[in-house]
Every structure is written in structure tokens, then in C-alpha cells.
């Protein structure tokens, strides 16, 4: 057994207390950041990027539009009203742009819905698929 003077042990204890009080251990904190864009993630004519979706839209367009509308949170049968005009497609495209913060105009939405209706719906479906599964980057915050 080693005997130290009492002053030595009190110095060691006080230094340990000071070090314990001053020592800060902090682990890096992670936070999630979702990367989004203000542009469509794919072009209007990129229908063939997902062939199963393209074929489904081509062979059974009414079913495709109804399922897409339901996944977007709208009434399942709402797209069936497009047979009396393209109002629903135009409204869906405009609402999707607004919800996801995508730049564009009503004029472009109208042109896409009028001239390329199946391609427009495929683009909306692709956008929903991408935006609903966001890319998340984890950053370590060193404080």
C-alpha cells in the first residue's frame, strides 16, 4: 500500500473534479435533409423509362388514371370525368405542381394535357413515385 500525503490526494481529487466538470463529450448528431427540386424529375416523353407503367397506361388508360388519382389522394373515379373534357387532368397536373413546388404555368399544363394526355399522366405517376420516396442525406453535425 502506497501512502501519499493528504495534500496530494486532495489535489488529485480536485483536478479530477475540474477535469470531469470541464470534459464535454458530445457525439455527432445526425439529421435528415430531403433533397427536392422545383422541376419535374422526368420529361413528358420519358414514358418508356418505366415500361410496365407505360404499357399499363397504353393498354388500360382509364384504370391507370383512376389508380394514379387515388394514390395522389383524390377520388378513384374522378379521372373518368375527363371524357367530357380534360378538366380533371389539367386540375391534377396543376395541383401536383403546386403540392410539390414544381415550376410551370397553366398554359404548359393545358398543352401537356391536351396534346400528350397519356404521357402527362405517366409523368405525374413517375413524379409521385419519386417524391413519395425521397432521397435522404444524413449529415453529422459536429458541435
Protein backbone atom coordinates (compact mmCIF):
# COMPACT_ATOMS: atom_id res chain seq x y z
CA UNK A 1 0.00 0.00 0.00
CA UNK A 2 1.37 3.38 -1.01
CA UNK A 3 0.85 6.26 1.35
CA UNK A 4 0.55 9.67 -0.24
CA UNK A 5 0.36 12.88 1.69
CA UNK A 6 -3.19 14.06 2.18
CA UNK A 7 -2.47 17.24 0.23
CA UNK A 8 -1.51 15.14 -2.80
CA UNK A 9 -4.73 13.14 -2.75
CA UNK A 10 -6.83 16.29 -2.34
CA UNK A 11 -5.01 17.87 -5.32
CA UNK A 12 -5.66 14.79 -7.42
CA UNK A 13 -9.30 14.74 -6.38
CA UNK A 14 -9.76 18.44 -7.14
CA UNK A 15 -8.02 18.09 -10.52
CA UNK A 16 -10.19 15.10 -11.35
CA UNK A 17 -13.28 17.08 -10.37
CA UNK A 18 -12.18 20.00 -12.54
CA UNK A 19 -11.43 17.71 -15.47
CA UNK A 20 -14.72 15.92 -15.02
CA UNK A 21 -16.59 19.20 -14.96
CA UNK A 22 -14.76 20.62 -17.98
CA UNK A 23 -14.72 17.49 -20.10
CA UNK A 24 -17.52 17.59 -22.62
CA UNK A 25 -18.14 14.57 -24.74
CA UNK A 26 -20.72 15.04 -27.43
CA UNK A 27 -21.41 12.61 -30.22
CA UNK A 28 -22.09 13.99 -33.68
CA UNK A 29 -25.81 14.35 -34.20
CA UNK A 30 -27.39 13.22 -37.43
CA UNK A 31 -30.24 14.99 -39.10
CA UNK A 32 -32.14 14.12 -42.22
CA UNK A 33 -32.42 16.50 -45.12
CA UNK A 34 -34.70 15.72 -48.02
CA UNK A 35 -33.47 16.83 -51.39
CA UNK A 36 -36.24 18.13 -53.61
CA UNK A 37 -36.29 20.06 -56.85
CA UNK A 38 -38.58 22.67 -58.32
CA UNK A 39 -38.54 20.87 -61.70
CA UNK A 40 -40.26 17.72 -62.92
CA UNK A 41 -37.99 14.77 -62.20
CA UNK A 42 -38.54 13.42 -65.72
CA UNK A 43 -39.53 14.82 -69.08
CA UNK A 44 -43.01 14.44 -70.55
CA UNK A 45 -41.78 11.94 -73.18
CA UNK A 46 -39.82 9.72 -70.77
CA UNK A 47 -42.70 7.25 -70.65
CA UNK A 48 -40.53 4.33 -71.70
CA UNK A 49 -38.23 4.75 -68.68
CA UNK A 50 -40.70 2.54 -66.82
CA UNK A 51 -42.05 0.08 -69.40
CA UNK A 52 -44.56 -1.58 -67.07
CA UNK A 53 -46.13 1.79 -66.29
CA UNK A 54 -46.04 2.76 -69.97
CA UNK A 55 -47.77 -0.46 -71.04
CA UNK A 56 -50.37 -0.17 -68.28
CA UNK A 57 -51.17 3.40 -69.35
CA UNK A 58 -51.32 2.41 -73.03
CA UNK A 59 -53.45 -0.72 -72.68
CA UNK A 60 -55.74 0.37 -69.85
CA UNK A 61 -55.61 4.15 -69.63
CA UNK A 62 -58.84 4.61 -67.60
CA UNK A 63 -57.62 2.16 -64.94
CA UNK A 64 -54.19 3.80 -64.90
CA UNK A 65 -55.61 7.29 -64.37
CA UNK A 66 -58.02 6.15 -61.65
CA UNK A 67 -55.29 4.36 -59.69
CA UNK A 68 -52.93 7.32 -60.06
CA UNK A 69 -55.60 9.74 -58.85
CA UNK A 70 -56.34 7.55 -55.83
CA UNK A 71 -52.64 7.34 -54.93
CA UNK A 72 -52.50 11.14 -55.15
CA UNK A 73 -55.34 11.36 -52.64
CA UNK A 74 -58.19 12.14 -55.00
CA UNK A 75 -61.41 10.28 -55.69
CA UNK A 76 -60.84 6.98 -57.50
CA UNK A 77 -63.38 7.71 -60.26
CA UNK A 78 -62.53 11.39 -60.76
CA UNK A 79 -60.43 10.87 -63.94
CA UNK A 80 -63.40 9.22 -65.65
CA UNK A 81 -64.86 12.73 -65.98
CA UNK A 82 -62.06 13.55 -68.44
CA UNK A 83 -64.16 12.02 -71.20
CA UNK A 84 -66.26 15.21 -71.05
CA UNK A 85 -63.14 17.37 -71.37
CA UNK A 86 -59.67 17.35 -69.90
CA UNK A 87 -60.55 19.39 -66.82
CA UNK A 88 -59.59 16.70 -64.31
CA UNK A 89 -56.20 16.02 -65.92
CA UNK A 90 -55.46 19.73 -66.04
CA UNK A 91 -56.50 20.17 -62.39
CA UNK A 92 -54.47 17.14 -61.27
CA UNK A 93 -51.35 18.35 -63.05
CA UNK A 94 -51.72 21.86 -61.66
CA UNK A 95 -52.36 20.55 -58.13
CA UNK A 96 -49.36 18.25 -58.35
CA UNK A 97 -47.13 21.13 -59.42
CA UNK A 98 -48.40 23.20 -56.51
CA UNK A 99 -48.06 20.40 -53.92
CA UNK A 100 -44.50 19.51 -54.93
CA UNK A 101 -43.38 23.08 -55.66
CA UNK A 102 -42.70 22.40 -59.34
CA UNK A 103 -42.32 25.42 -61.58
CA UNK A 104 -44.63 25.76 -64.55
CA UNK A 105 -47.68 27.53 -65.89
CA UNK A 106 -51.31 26.72 -66.54
CA UNK A 107 -50.58 27.20 -70.24
CA UNK A 108 -47.94 24.43 -70.17
CA UNK A 109 -50.24 22.21 -68.11
CA UNK A 110 -53.01 22.76 -70.66
CA UNK A 111 -50.72 21.97 -73.61
CA UNK A 112 -49.42 18.78 -71.95
CA UNK A 113 -52.93 17.66 -71.03
CA UNK A 114 -54.34 18.42 -74.48
CA UNK A 115 -51.58 17.13 -76.76
CA UNK A 116 -49.96 14.39 -74.64
CA UNK A 117 -52.56 13.18 -72.17
CA UNK A 118 -51.19 9.64 -71.59
CA UNK A 119 -47.62 10.96 -71.37
CA UNK A 120 -48.77 13.65 -68.94
CA UNK A 121 -50.37 11.05 -66.65
CA UNK A 122 -47.24 8.86 -66.84
CA UNK A 123 -45.11 11.87 -65.90
CA UNK A 124 -47.36 12.59 -62.91
CA UNK A 125 -47.17 8.95 -61.80
CA UNK A 126 -43.36 8.96 -62.07
CA UNK A 127 -43.22 12.19 -60.09
CA UNK A 128 -45.38 10.75 -57.32
CA UNK A 129 -43.22 7.64 -57.20
CA UNK A 130 -40.04 9.69 -56.84
CA UNK A 131 -41.40 12.35 -54.46
CA UNK A 132 -43.06 9.85 -52.14
CA UNK A 133 -39.74 8.05 -51.61
CA UNK A 134 -37.41 10.99 -51.01
CA UNK A 135 -33.66 10.73 -51.14
CA UNK A 136 -32.46 11.42 -47.61
CA UNK A 137 -28.94 12.53 -46.86
CA UNK A 138 -27.63 12.10 -43.33
CA UNK A 139 -25.22 14.78 -42.16
CA UNK A 140 -23.15 14.55 -38.99
CA UNK A 141 -23.29 17.79 -37.05
CA UNK A 142 -20.07 18.23 -35.09
CA UNK A 143 -20.70 20.61 -32.23
